[in-house]
Amino acid sequence: MANQKPYDEGAISKLLIALQRNLQLIWKLFRHPQVPFWVKGILVLTALYWFNPVDPLPPPLNFFPFDDMLAILLGTKLFVELAPADLVNTLRRKIEFGDSADDEVIDSVYRILDDE
């Protein structure tokens, strides 16, 4: 029992990788011109709520620091959900698999040549 670890290293590394990918997705969506300004405003308001020194919630609803974590999670989730779905899927693929030239479609005409 002395060798038993209280946590799973694989689960923690997967969680950190998922967190990194989600932060990359949020940043790329925030900088992308196809995302409307009002959707970007949700993320800005979420950040302002977090940095606000005065907590706007009254004491019965204020579960410091859980209310801030909940606001950040809900704000970022709402931001990603309201962004264009095709853009979110494209950026997720690029983050997970890397940028590749396979996304480009090149139209062309070809002809089969026989050596006979």
PDB file of N, CA and C in Angstrom:
ATOM      1  N   MET A   1       0.803  -1.199   0.000  1.00  0.00           N
ATOM      2  CA  MET A   1       0.000   0.000   0.000  1.00  0.00           C
ATOM      3  C   MET A   1       0.841   1.256   0.000  1.00  0.00           C
ATOM      4  N   ALA A   2       2.113   1.147   0.313  1.00  0.00           N
ATOM      5  CA  ALA A   2       2.979   2.319   0.367  1.00  0.00           C
ATOM      6  C   ALA A   2       3.227   2.881  -1.031  1.00  0.00           C
ATOM      7  N   ASN A   3       3.103   2.062  -2.069  1.00  0.00           N
ATOM      8  CA  ASN A   3       3.342   2.513  -3.439  1.00  0.00           C
ATOM      9  C   ASN A   3       2.100   3.091  -4.094  1.00  0.00           C
ATOM     10  N   GLN A   4       0.974   3.048  -3.449  1.00  0.00           N
ATOM     11  CA  GLN A   4      -0.275   3.528  -4.034  1.00  0.00           C
ATOM     12  C   GLN A   4      -0.293   5.055  -4.065  1.00  0.00           C
ATOM     13  N   LYS A   5      -0.603   5.615  -5.241  1.00  0.00           N
ATOM     14  CA  LYS A   5      -0.645   7.071  -5.401  1.00  0.00           C
ATOM     15  C   LYS A   5      -2.072   7.556  -5.168  1.00  0.00           C
ATOM     16  N   PRO A   6      -2.228   8.712  -4.539  1.00  0.00           N
ATOM     17  CA  PRO A   6      -3.576   9.209  -4.263  1.00  0.00           C
ATOM     18  C   PRO A   6      -4.265   9.793  -5.494  1.00  0.00           C
ATOM     19  N   TYR A   7      -3.557   9.866  -6.610  1.00  0.00           N
ATOM     20  CA  TYR A   7      -4.143  10.436  -7.819  1.00  0.00           C
ATOM     21  C   TYR A   7      -3.628   9.676  -9.035  1.00  0.00           C
ATOM     22  N   ASP A   8      -4.324   9.841 -10.122  1.00  0.00           N
ATOM     23  CA  ASP A   8      -3.952   9.201 -11.374  1.00  0.00           C
ATOM     24  C   ASP A   8      -3.194  10.213 -12.227  1.00  0.00           C
ATOM     25  N   GLU A   9      -1.921   9.948 -12.504  1.00  0.00           N
ATOM     26  CA  GLU A   9      -1.105  10.886 -13.268  1.00  0.00           C
ATOM     27  C   GLU A   9      -1.638  11.072 -14.682  1.00  0.00           C
ATOM     28  N   GLY A  10      -2.150  10.021 -15.265  1.00  0.00           N
ATOM     29  CA  GLY A  10      -2.694  10.119 -16.621  1.00  0.00           C
ATOM     30  C   GLY A  10      -3.915  11.013 -16.674  1.00  0.00           C
ATOM     31  N   ALA A  11      -4.769  10.935 -15.673  1.00  0.00           N
ATOM     32  CA  ALA A  11      -5.969  11.761 -15.647  1.00  0.00           C
ATOM     33  C   ALA A  11      -5.610  13.233 -15.474  1.00  0.00           C
ATOM     34  N   ILE A  12      -4.607  13.503 -14.647  1.00  0.00           N
ATOM     35  CA  ILE A  12      -4.203  14.895 -14.442  1.00  0.00           C
ATOM     36  C   ILE A  12      -3.577  15.462 -15.706  1.00  0.00           C
ATOM     37  N   SER A  13      -2.758  14.694 -16.393  1.00  0.00           N
ATOM     38  CA  SER A  13      -2.143  15.190 -17.626  1.00  0.00           C
ATOM     39  C   SER A  13      -3.196  15.400 -18.710  1.00  0.00           C
ATOM     40  N   LYS A  14      -4.194  14.525 -18.790  1.00  0.00           N
ATOM     41  CA  LYS A  14      -5.276  14.716 -19.758  1.00  0.00           C
ATOM     42  C   LYS A  14      -6.081  15.970 -19.440  1.00  0.00           C
ATOM     43  N   LEU A  15      -6.307  16.214 -18.161  1.00  0.00           N
ATOM     44  CA  LEU A  15      -7.032  17.411 -17.744  1.00  0.00           C
ATOM     45  C   LEU A  15      -6.261  18.676 -18.106  1.00  0.00           C
ATOM     46  N   LEU A  16      -4.958  18.668 -17.889  1.00  0.00           N
ATOM     47  CA  LEU A  16      -4.137  19.838 -18.228  1.00  0.00           C
ATOM     48  C   LEU A  16      -4.073  20.069 -19.735  1.00  0.00           C
ATOM     49  N   ILE A  17      -4.007  18.997 -20.510  1.00  0.00           N
ATOM     50  CA  ILE A  17      -4.001  19.128 -21.969  1.00  0.00           C
ATOM     51  C   ILE A  17      -5.328  19.681 -22.452  1.00  0.00           C
ATOM     52  N   ALA A  18      -6.437  19.194 -21.897  1.00  0.00           N
ATOM     53  CA  ALA A  18      -7.757  19.703 -22.272  1.00  0.00           C
ATOM     54  C   ALA A  18      -7.899  21.173 -21.893  1.00  0.00           C
ATOM     55  N   LEU A  19      -7.385  21.557 -20.737  1.00  0.00           N
ATOM     56  CA  LEU A  19      -7.439  22.956 -20.316  1.00  0.00           C
ATOM     57  C   LEU A  19      -6.637  23.834 -21.265  1.00  0.00           C
ATOM     58  N   GLN A  20      -5.455  23.389 -21.646  1.00  0.00           N
ATOM     59  CA  GLN A  20      -4.626  24.147 -22.579  1.00  0.00           C
ATOM     60  C   GLN A  20      -5.324  24.303 -23.932  1.00  0.00           C
ATOM     61  N   ARG A  21      -5.917  23.238 -24.429  1.00  0.00           N
ATOM     62  CA  ARG A  21      -6.610  23.305 -25.727  1.00  0.00           C
ATOM     63  C   ARG A  21      -7.822  24.223 -25.666  1.00  0.00           C
ATOM     64  N   ASN A  22      -8.562  24.187 -24.553  1.00  0.00           N
ATOM     65  CA  ASN A  22      -9.718  25.072 -24.422  1.00  0.00           C
ATOM     66  C   ASN A  22      -9.293  26.532 -24.339  1.00  0.00           C
ATOM     67  N   LEU A  23      -8.203  26.811 -23.639  1.00  0.00           N
ATOM     68  CA  LEU A  23      -7.703  28.192 -23.582  1.00  0.00           C
ATOM     69  C   LEU A  23      -7.229  28.664 -24.951  1.00  0.00           C
ATOM     70  N   GLN A  24      -6.593  27.783 -25.719  1.00  0.00           N
ATOM     71  CA  GLN A  24      -6.186  28.131 -27.080  1.00  0.00           C
ATOM     72  C   GLN A  24      -7.412  28.409 -27.947  1.00  0.00           C
ATOM     73  N   LEU A  25      -8.434  27.585 -27.811  1.00  0.00           N
ATOM     74  CA  LEU A  25      -9.654  27.777 -28.586  1.00  0.00           C
ATOM     75  C   LEU A  25     -10.302  29.115 -28.250  1.00  0.00           C
ATOM     76  N   ILE A  26     -10.399  29.438 -26.971  1.00  0.00           N
ATOM     77  CA  ILE A  26     -11.016  30.699 -26.558  1.00  0.00           C
ATOM     78  C   ILE A  26     -10.218  31.875 -27.100  1.00  0.00           C
ATOM     79  N   TRP A  27      -8.900  31.817 -27.027  1.00  0.00           N
ATOM     80  CA  TRP A  27      -8.076  32.911 -27.515  1.00  0.00           C
ATOM     81  C   TRP A  27      -8.205  33.074 -29.027  1.00  0.00           C
ATOM     82  N   LYS A  28      -8.184  31.961 -29.766  1.00  0.00           N
ATOM     83  CA  LYS A  28      -8.311  32.047 -31.226  1.00  0.00           C
ATOM     84  C   LYS A  28      -9.695  32.551 -31.633  1.00  0.00           C
ATOM     85  N   LEU A  29     -10.730  32.123 -30.920  1.00  0.00           N
ATOM     86  CA  LEU A  29     -12.071  32.617 -31.216  1.00  0.00           C
ATOM     87  C   LEU A  29     -12.184  34.111 -30.918  1.00  0.00           C
ATOM     88  N   PHE A  30     -11.576  34.540 -29.822  1.00  0.00           N
ATOM     89  CA  PHE A  30     -11.638  35.948 -29.452  1.00  0.00           C
ATOM     90  C   PHE A  30     -10.957  36.828 -30.492  1.00  0.00           C
ATOM     91  N   ARG A  31      -9.911  36.332 -31.107  1.00  0.00           N
ATOM     92  CA  ARG A  31      -9.175  37.111 -32.109  1.00  0.00           C
ATOM     93  C   ARG A  31      -9.734  36.965 -33.520  1.00  0.00           C
ATOM     94  N   HIS A  32     -10.640  36.042 -33.748  1.00  0.00           N
ATOM     95  CA  HIS A  32     -11.122  35.761 -35.097  1.00  0.00           C
ATOM     96  C   HIS A  32     -12.168  36.788 -35.520  1.00  0.00           C
ATOM     97  N   PRO A  33     -12.088  37.274 -36.767  1.00  0.00           N
ATOM     98  CA  PRO A  33     -13.040  38.298 -37.226  1.00  0.00           C
ATOM     99  C   PRO A  33     -14.466  37.778 -37.464  1.00  0.00           C
ATOM    100  N   GLN A  34     -14.660  36.479 -37.580  1.00  0.00           N
ATOM    101  CA  GLN A  34     -16.009  35.955 -37.820  1.00  0.00           C
ATOM    102  C   GLN A  34     -16.866  35.912 -36.556  1.00  0.00           C
ATOM    103  N   VAL A  35     -16.246  36.036 -35.402  1.00  0.00           N
ATOM    104  CA  VAL A  35     -17.001  36.018 -34.150  1.00  0.00           C
ATOM    105  C   VAL A  35     -17.550  37.425 -33.916  1.00  0.00           C
ATOM    106  N   PRO A  36     -18.862  37.565 -33.742  1.00  0.00           N
ATOM    107  CA  PRO A  36     -19.456  38.897 -33.557  1.00  0.00           C
ATOM    108  C   PRO A  36     -18.928  39.587 -32.295  1.00  0.00           C
ATOM    109  N   PHE A  37     -18.957  40.934 -32.335  1.00  0.00           N
ATOM    110  CA  PHE A  37     -18.447  41.714 -31.208  1.00  0.00           C
ATOM    111  C   PHE A  37     -19.253  41.481 -29.941  1.00  0.00           C
ATOM    112  N   TRP A  38     -20.559  41.288 -30.073  1.00  0.00           N
ATOM    113  CA  TRP A  38     -21.369  41.090 -28.875  1.00  0.00           C
ATOM    114  C   TRP A  38     -21.032  39.764 -28.189  1.00  0.00           C
ATOM    115  N   VAL A  39     -20.608  38.776 -28.974  1.00  0.00           N
ATOM    116  CA  VAL A  39     -20.183  37.500 -28.380  1.00  0.00           C
ATOM    117  C   VAL A  39     -18.845  37.699 -27.671  1.00  0.00           C
ATOM    118  N   LYS A  40     -17.950  38.476 -28.282  1.00  0.00           N
ATOM    119  CA  LYS A  40     -16.681  38.784 -27.631  1.00  0.00           C
ATOM    120  C   LYS A  40     -16.917  39.585 -26.356  1.00  0.00           C
ATOM    121  N   GLY A  41     -17.982  40.384 -26.336  1.00  0.00           N
ATOM    122  CA  GLY A  41     -18.320  41.164 -25.153  1.00  0.00           C
ATOM    123  C   GLY A  41     -18.634  40.287 -23.952  1.00  0.00           C
ATOM    124  N   ILE A  42     -19.180  39.098 -24.194  1.00  0.00           N
ATOM    125  CA  ILE A  42     -19.459  38.165 -23.097  1.00  0.00           C
ATOM    126  C   ILE A  42     -18.160  37.782 -22.399  1.00  0.00           C
ATOM    127  N   LEU A  43     -17.135  37.527 -23.184  1.00  0.00           N
ATOM    128  CA  LEU A  43     -15.847  37.162 -22.606  1.00  0.00           C
ATOM    129  C   LEU A  43     -15.220  38.348 -21.868  1.00  0.00           C
ATOM    130  N   VAL A  44     -15.373  39.539 -22.425  1.00  0.00           N
ATOM    131  CA  VAL A  44     -14.841  40.735 -21.768  1.00  0.00           C
ATOM    132  C   VAL A  44     -15.561  40.974 -20.442  1.00  0.00           C
ATOM    133  N   LEU A  45     -16.888  40.849 -20.433  1.00  0.00           N
ATOM    134  CA  LEU A  45     -17.641  41.026 -19.193  1.00  0.00           C
ATOM    135  C   LEU A  45     -17.287  39.963 -18.153  1.00  0.00           C
ATOM    136  N   THR A  46     -17.015  38.759 -18.609  1.00  0.00           N
ATOM    137  CA  THR A  46     -16.595  37.695 -17.697  1.00  0.00           C
ATOM    138  C   THR A  46     -15.260  38.050 -17.044  1.00  0.00           C
ATOM    139  N   ALA A  47     -14.324  38.550 -17.850  1.00  0.00           N
ATOM    140  CA  ALA A  47     -13.025  38.948 -17.299  1.00  0.00           C
ATOM    141  C   ALA A  47     -13.175  40.133 -16.353  1.00  0.00           C
ATOM    142  N   LEU A  48     -14.033  41.087 -16.694  1.00  0.00           N
ATOM    143  CA  LEU A  48     -14.252  42.235 -15.813  1.00  0.00           C
ATOM    144  C   LEU A  48     -14.881  41.801 -14.491  1.00  0.00           C
ATOM    145  N   TYR A  49     -15.782  40.857 -14.537  1.00  0.00           N
ATOM    146  CA  TYR A  49     -16.386  40.340 -13.312  1.00  0.00           C
ATOM    147  C   TYR A  49     -15.333  39.723 -12.410  1.00  0.00           C
ATOM    148  N   TRP A  50     -14.407  38.983 -13.026  1.00  0.00           N
ATOM    149  CA  TRP A  50     -13.377  38.312 -12.253  1.00  0.00           C
ATOM    150  C   TRP A  50     -12.405  39.312 -11.613  1.00  0.00           C
ATOM    151  N   PHE A  51     -12.046  40.372 -12.360  1.00  0.00           N
ATOM    152  CA  PHE A  51     -11.094  41.359 -11.853  1.00  0.00           C
ATOM    153  C   PHE A  51     -11.746  42.422 -10.977  1.00  0.00           C
ATOM    154  N   ASN A  52     -13.064  42.433 -10.901  1.00  0.00           N
ATOM    155  CA  ASN A  52     -13.772  43.434 -10.112  1.00  0.00           C
ATOM    156  C   ASN A  52     -13.457  43.240  -8.623  1.00  0.00           C
ATOM    157  N   PRO A  53     -12.930  44.297  -7.962  1.00  0.00           N
ATOM    158  CA  PRO A  53     -12.595  44.126  -6.535  1.00  0.00           C
ATOM    159  C   PRO A  53     -13.830  44.062  -5.635  1.00  0.00           C
ATOM    160  N   VAL A  54     -14.940  44.605  -6.105  1.00  0.00           N
ATOM    161  CA  VAL A  54     -16.170  44.576  -5.313  1.00  0.00           C
ATOM    162  C   VAL A  54     -17.049  43.461  -5.857  1.00  0.00           C
ATOM    163  N   ASP A  55     -17.443  42.540  -5.001  1.00  0.00           N
ATOM    164  CA  ASP A  55     -18.268  41.421  -5.446  1.00  0.00           C
ATOM    165  C   ASP A  55     -19.716  41.886  -5.569  1.00  0.00           C
ATOM    166  N   PRO A  56     -20.308  41.812  -6.777  1.00  0.00           N
ATOM    167  CA  PRO A  56     -21.664  42.326  -6.966  1.00  0.00           C
ATOM    168  C   PRO A  56     -22.765  41.454  -6.355  1.00  0.00           C
ATOM    169  N   LEU A  57     -22.434  40.239  -5.977  1.00  0.00           N
ATOM    170  CA  LEU A  57     -23.449  39.353  -5.413  1.00  0.00           C
ATOM    171  C   LEU A  57     -23.613  39.620  -3.916  1.00  0.00           C
ATOM    172  N   PRO A  58     -24.839  39.573  -3.427  1.00  0.00           N
ATOM    173  CA  PRO A  58     -25.042  39.740  -1.976  1.00  0.00           C
ATOM    174  C   PRO A  58     -24.492  38.528  -1.213  1.00  0.00           C
ATOM    175  N   PRO A  59     -24.237  38.686   0.086  1.00  0.00           N
ATOM    176  CA  PRO A  59     -23.604  37.618   0.871  1.00  0.00           C
ATOM    177  C   PRO A  59     -24.270  36.238   0.800  1.00  0.00           C
ATOM    178  N   PRO A  60     -25.589  36.095   0.755  1.00  0.00           N
ATOM    179  CA  PRO A  60     -26.107  34.715   0.675  1.00  0.00           C
ATOM    180  C   PRO A  60     -25.719  34.007  -0.626  1.00  0.00           C
ATOM    181  N   LEU A  61     -25.528  34.764  -1.712  1.00  0.00           N
ATOM    182  CA  LEU A  61     -25.165  34.151  -2.996  1.00  0.00           C
ATOM    183  C   LEU A  61     -23.663  34.153  -3.227  1.00  0.00           C
ATOM    184  N   ASN A  62     -22.932  34.816  -2.370  1.00  0.00           N
ATOM    185  CA  ASN A  62     -21.500  34.952  -2.548  1.00  0.00           C
ATOM    186  C   ASN A  62     -20.785  33.787  -1.866  1.00  0.00           C
ATOM    187  N   PHE A  63     -20.350  32.834  -2.651  1.00  0.00           N
ATOM    188  CA  PHE A  63     -19.623  31.667  -2.144  1.00  0.00           C
ATOM    189  C   PHE A  63     -18.169  31.776  -2.578  1.00  0.00           C
ATOM    190  N   PHE A  64     -17.477  32.797  -2.073  1.00  0.00           N
ATOM    191  CA  PHE A  64     -16.112  33.069  -2.481  1.00  0.00           C
ATOM    192  C   PHE A  64     -15.249  31.831  -2.285  1.00  0.00           C
ATOM    193  N   PRO A  65     -14.407  31.420  -3.218  1.00  0.00           N
ATOM    194  CA  PRO A  65     -14.171  31.875  -4.574  1.00  0.00           C
ATOM    195  C   PRO A  65     -14.988  31.115  -5.613  1.00  0.00           C
ATOM    196  N   PHE A  66     -15.950  30.329  -5.149  1.00  0.00           N
ATOM    197  CA  PHE A  66     -16.709  29.490  -6.071  1.00  0.00           C
ATOM    198  C   PHE A  66     -17.597  30.287  -7.002  1.00  0.00           C
ATOM    199  N   ASP A  67     -18.081  31.444  -6.577  1.00  0.00           N
ATOM    200  CA  ASP A  67     -18.914  32.251  -7.457  1.00  0.00           C
ATOM    201  C   ASP A  67     -18.092  32.800  -8.622  1.00  0.00           C
ATOM    202  N   ASP A  68     -16.824  33.139  -8.365  1.00  0.00           N
ATOM    203  CA  ASP A  68     -15.960  33.611  -9.452  1.00  0.00           C
ATOM    204  C   ASP A  68     -15.650  32.485 -10.434  1.00  0.00           C
ATOM    205  N   MET A  69     -15.368  31.301  -9.924  1.00  0.00           N
ATOM    206  CA  MET A  69     -15.092  30.163 -10.806  1.00  0.00           C
ATOM    207  C   MET A  69     -16.331  29.819 -11.637  1.00  0.00           C
ATOM    208  N   LEU A  70     -17.495  29.875 -11.014  1.00  0.00           N
ATOM    209  CA  LEU A  70     -18.732  29.589 -11.728  1.00  0.00           C
ATOM    210  C   LEU A  70     -18.983  30.621 -12.816  1.00  0.00           C
ATOM    211  N   ALA A  71     -18.726  31.900 -12.521  1.00  0.00           N
ATOM    212  CA  ALA A  71     -18.909  32.955 -13.520  1.00  0.00           C
ATOM    213  C   ALA A  71     -17.955  32.769 -14.693  1.00  0.00           C
ATOM    214  N   ILE A  72     -16.718  32.392 -14.408  1.00  0.00           N
ATOM    215  CA  ILE A  72     -15.745  32.178 -15.482  1.00  0.00           C
ATOM    216  C   ILE A  72     -16.150  30.979 -16.337  1.00  0.00           C
ATOM    217  N   LEU A  73     -16.542  29.892 -15.695  1.00  0.00           N
ATOM    218  CA  LEU A  73     -16.946  28.701 -16.451  1.00  0.00           C
ATOM    219  C   LEU A  73     -18.176  28.974 -17.313  1.00  0.00           C
ATOM    220  N   LEU A  74     -19.180  29.630 -16.738  1.00  0.00           N
ATOM    221  CA  LEU A  74     -20.400  29.933 -17.500  1.00  0.00           C
ATOM    222  C   LEU A  74     -20.129  30.929 -18.615  1.00  0.00           C
ATOM    223  N   GLY A  75     -19.318  31.947 -18.339  1.00  0.00           N
ATOM    224  CA  GLY A  75     -19.014  32.953 -19.355  1.00  0.00           C
ATOM    225  C   GLY A  75     -18.253  32.384 -20.531  1.00  0.00           C
ATOM    226  N   THR A  76     -17.239  31.561 -20.252  1.00  0.00           N
ATOM    227  CA  THR A  76     -16.469  30.980 -21.347  1.00  0.00           C
ATOM    228  C   THR A  76     -17.291  29.941 -22.112  1.00  0.00           C
ATOM    229  N   LYS A  77     -18.101  29.182 -21.405  1.00  0.00           N
ATOM    230  CA  LYS A  77     -18.969  28.197 -22.069  1.00  0.00           C
ATOM    231  C   LYS A  77     -19.970  28.900 -22.983  1.00  0.00           C
ATOM    232  N   LEU A  78     -20.570  29.979 -22.496  1.00  0.00           N
ATOM    233  CA  LEU A  78     -21.520  30.745 -23.305  1.00  0.00           C
ATOM    234  C   LEU A  78     -20.828  31.368 -24.512  1.00  0.00           C
ATOM    235  N   PHE A  79     -19.611  31.859 -24.324  1.00  0.00           N
ATOM    236  CA  PHE A  79     -18.839  32.444 -25.421  1.00  0.00           C
ATOM    237  C   PHE A  79     -18.599  31.420 -26.527  1.00  0.00           C
ATOM    238  N   VAL A  80     -18.165  30.225 -26.160  1.00  0.00           N
ATOM    239  CA  VAL A  80     -17.886  29.187 -27.163  1.00  0.00           C
ATOM    240  C   VAL A  80     -19.176  28.712 -27.825  1.00  0.00           C
ATOM    241  N   GLU A  81     -20.258  28.588 -27.049  1.00  0.00           N
ATOM    242  CA  GLU A  81     -21.534  28.121 -27.608  1.00  0.00           C
ATOM    243  C   GLU A  81     -22.140  29.125 -28.584  1.00  0.00           C
ATOM    244  N   LEU A  82     -21.934  30.425 -28.361  1.00  0.00           N
ATOM    245  CA  LEU A  82     -22.521  31.439 -29.225  1.00  0.00           C
ATOM    246  C   LEU A  82     -21.638  31.793 -30.420  1.00  0.00           C
ATOM    247  N   ALA A  83     -20.403  31.343 -30.412  1.00  0.00           N
ATOM    248  CA  ALA A  83     -19.527  31.544 -31.569  1.00  0.00           C
ATOM    249  C   ALA A  83     -20.017  30.646 -32.710  1.00  0.00           C
ATOM    250  N   PRO A  84     -19.718  31.005 -33.961  1.00  0.00           N
ATOM    251  CA  PRO A  84     -20.147  30.160 -35.089  1.00  0.00           C
ATOM    252  C   PRO A  84     -19.640  28.721 -34.942  1.00  0.00           C
ATOM    253  N   ALA A  85     -20.567  27.779 -35.035  1.00  0.00           N
ATOM    254  CA  ALA A  85     -20.245  26.368 -34.770  1.00  0.00           C
ATOM    255  C   ALA A  85     -19.211  25.813 -35.742  1.00  0.00           C
ATOM    256  N   ASP A  86     -19.312  26.166 -37.026  1.00  0.00           N
ATOM    257  CA  ASP A  86     -18.343  25.647 -37.991  1.00  0.00           C
ATOM    258  C   ASP A  86     -16.942  26.173 -37.701  1.00  0.00           C
ATOM    259  N   LEU A  87     -16.852  27.410 -37.246  1.00  0.00           N
ATOM    260  CA  LEU A  87     -15.556  27.979 -36.885  1.00  0.00           C
ATOM    261  C   LEU A  87     -14.986  27.288 -35.646  1.00  0.00           C
ATOM    262  N   VAL A  88     -15.829  27.030 -34.676  1.00  0.00           N
ATOM    263  CA  VAL A  88     -15.387  26.343 -33.458  1.00  0.00           C
ATOM    264  C   VAL A  88     -14.864  24.949 -33.807  1.00  0.00           C
ATOM    265  N   ASN A  89     -15.587  24.221 -34.642  1.00  0.00           N
ATOM    266  CA  ASN A  89     -15.155  22.874 -35.030  1.00  0.00           C
ATOM    267  C   ASN A  89     -13.846  22.903 -35.805  1.00  0.00           C
ATOM    268  N   THR A  90     -13.699  23.872 -36.721  1.00  0.00           N
ATOM    269  CA  THR A  90     -12.468  23.996 -37.496  1.00  0.00           C
ATOM    270  C   THR A  90     -11.284  24.310 -36.588  1.00  0.00           C
ATOM    271  N   LEU A  91     -11.469  25.251 -35.691  1.00  0.00           N
ATOM    272  CA  LEU A  91     -10.371  25.616 -34.799  1.00  0.00           C
ATOM    273  C   LEU A  91     -10.031  24.481 -33.831  1.00  0.00           C
ATOM    274  N   ARG A  92     -11.023  23.753 -33.367  1.00  0.00           N
ATOM    275  CA  ARG A  92     -10.748  22.603 -32.488  1.00  0.00           C
ATOM    276  C   ARG A  92      -9.919  21.547 -33.214  1.00  0.00           C
ATOM    277  N   ARG A  93     -10.274  21.285 -34.478  1.00  0.00           N
ATOM    278  CA  ARG A  93      -9.504  20.316 -35.271  1.00  0.00           C
ATOM    279  C   ARG A  93      -8.068  20.792 -35.452  1.00  0.00           C
ATOM    280  N   LYS A  94      -7.902  22.077 -35.764  1.00  0.00           N
ATOM    281  CA  LYS A  94      -6.553  22.608 -35.976  1.00  0.00           C
ATOM    282  C   LYS A  94      -5.731  22.570 -34.695  1.00  0.00           C
ATOM    283  N   ILE A  95      -6.366  22.833 -33.557  1.00  0.00           N
ATOM    284  CA  ILE A  95      -5.645  22.789 -32.287  1.00  0.00           C
ATOM    285  C   ILE A  95      -5.258  21.358 -31.946  1.00  0.00           C
ATOM    286  N   GLU A  96      -6.160  20.420 -32.183  1.00  0.00           N
ATOM    287  CA  GLU A  96      -5.892  19.032 -31.807  1.00  0.00           C
ATOM    288  C   GLU A  96      -4.909  18.349 -32.750  1.00  0.00           C
ATOM    289  N   PHE A  97      -5.076  18.573 -34.045  1.00  0.00           N
ATOM    290  CA  PHE A  97      -4.266  17.855 -35.024  1.00  0.00           C
ATOM    291  C   PHE A  97      -3.202  18.718 -35.671  1.00  0.00           C
ATOM    292  N   GLY A  98      -3.177  20.003 -35.391  1.00  0.00           N
ATOM    293  CA  GLY A  98      -2.185  20.900 -35.985  1.00  0.00           C
ATOM    294  C   GLY A  98      -2.669  21.454 -37.314  1.00  0.00           C
ATOM    295  N   ASP A  99      -2.035  22.535 -37.714  1.00  0.00           N
ATOM    296  CA  ASP A  99      -2.362  23.135 -39.006  1.00  0.00           C
ATOM    297  C   ASP A  99      -1.785  22.270 -40.104  1.00  0.00           C
ATOM    298  N   SER A 100      -2.622  21.929 -41.050  1.00  0.00           N
ATOM    299  CA  SER A 100      -2.138  21.105 -42.154  1.00  0.00           C
ATOM    300  C   SER A 100      -2.709  21.634 -43.456  1.00  0.00           C
ATOM    301  N   ALA A 101      -2.053  21.293 -44.514  1.00  0.00           N
ATOM    302  CA  ALA A 101      -2.503  21.718 -45.837  1.00  0.00           C
ATOM    303  C   ALA A 101      -3.661  20.854 -46.327  1.00  0.00           C
ATOM    304  N   ASP A 102      -4.052  19.827 -45.545  1.00  0.00           N
ATOM    305  CA  ASP A 102      -5.134  18.951 -45.960  1.00  0.00           C
ATOM    306  C   ASP A 102      -6.481  19.661 -45.951  1.00  0.00           C
ATOM    307  N   ASP A 103      -6.571  20.791 -45.259  1.00  0.00           N
ATOM    308  CA  ASP A 103      -7.833  21.520 -45.204  1.00  0.00           C
ATOM    309  C   ASP A 103      -8.143  22.244 -46.507  1.00  0.00           C
ATOM    310  N   GLU A 104      -7.127  22.452 -47.331  1.00  0.00           N
ATOM    311  CA  GLU A 104      -7.326  23.170 -48.579  1.00  0.00           C
ATOM    312  C   GLU A 104      -7.835  22.209 -49.654  1.00  0.00           C
ATOM    313  N   VAL A 105      -8.762  22.698 -50.443  1.00  0.00           N
ATOM    314  CA  VAL A 105      -9.275  21.925 -51.573  1.00  0.00           C
ATOM    315  C   VAL A 105      -8.790  22.609 -52.838  1.00  0.00           C
ATOM    316  N   ILE A 106      -8.128  21.844 -53.676  1.00  0.00           N
ATOM    317  CA  ILE A 106      -7.603  22.382 -54.924  1.00  0.00           C
ATOM    318  C   ILE A 106      -8.380  21.739 -56.056  1.00  0.00           C
ATOM    319  N   ASP A 107      -9.147  22.540 -56.769  1.00  0.00           N
ATOM    320  CA  ASP A 107      -9.888  22.035 -57.919  1.00  0.00           C
ATOM    321  C   ASP A 107      -8.954  21.971 -59.121  1.00  0.00           C
ATOM    322  N   SER A 108      -9.035  20.858 -59.818  1.00  0.00           N
ATOM    323  CA  SER A 108      -8.200  20.713 -61.005  1.00  0.00           C
ATOM    324  C   SER A 108      -8.837  19.710 -61.957  1.00  0.00           C
ATOM    325  N   VAL A 109      -8.293  19.634 -63.123  1.00  0.00           N
ATOM    326  CA  VAL A 109      -8.744  18.685 -64.139  1.00  0.00           C
ATOM    327  C   VAL A 109      -7.578  17.730 -64.394  1.00  0.00           C
ATOM    328  N   TYR A 110      -7.894  16.463 -64.540  1.00  0.00           N
ATOM    329  CA  TYR A 110      -6.827  15.508 -64.801  1.00  0.00           C
ATOM    330  C   TYR A 110      -7.213  14.619 -65.966  1.00  0.00           C
ATOM    331  N   ARG A 111      -6.204  13.980 -66.537  1.00  0.00           N
ATOM    332  CA  ARG A 111      -6.413  13.097 -67.670  1.00  0.00           C
ATOM    333  C   ARG A 111      -5.553  11.862 -67.469  1.00  0.00           C
ATOM    334  N   ILE A 112      -6.120  10.681 -67.702  1.00  0.00           N
ATOM    335  CA  ILE A 112      -5.404   9.426 -67.543  1.00  0.00           C
ATOM    336  C   ILE A 112      -4.744   9.113 -68.869  1.00  0.00           C
ATOM    337  N   LEU A 113      -3.448   8.909 -68.807  1.00  0.00           N
ATOM    338  CA  LEU A 113      -2.674   8.594 -70.007  1.00  0.00           C
ATOM    339  C   LEU A 113      -2.350   7.115 -70.024  1.00  0.00           C
ATOM    340  N   ASP A 114      -2.605   6.479 -71.151  1.00  0.00           N
ATOM    341  CA  ASP A 114      -2.254   5.055 -71.313  1.00  0.00           C
ATOM    342  C   ASP A 114      -0.915   4.962 -72.019  1.00  0.00           C
ATOM    343  N   ASP A 115      -0.110   4.040 -71.559  1.00  0.00           N
ATOM    344  CA  ASP A 115       1.173   3.815 -72.229  1.00  0.00           C
ATOM    345  C   ASP A 115       1.046   2.832 -73.388  1.00  0.00           C
ATOM    346  N   GLU A 116      -0.111   2.302 -73.629  1.00  0.00           N
ATOM    347  CA  GLU A 116      -0.303   1.297 -74.669  1.00  0.00           C
ATOM    348  C   GLU A 116      -0.306   1.854 -76.031  1.00  0.00           C
TER     349      GLU A 116
END
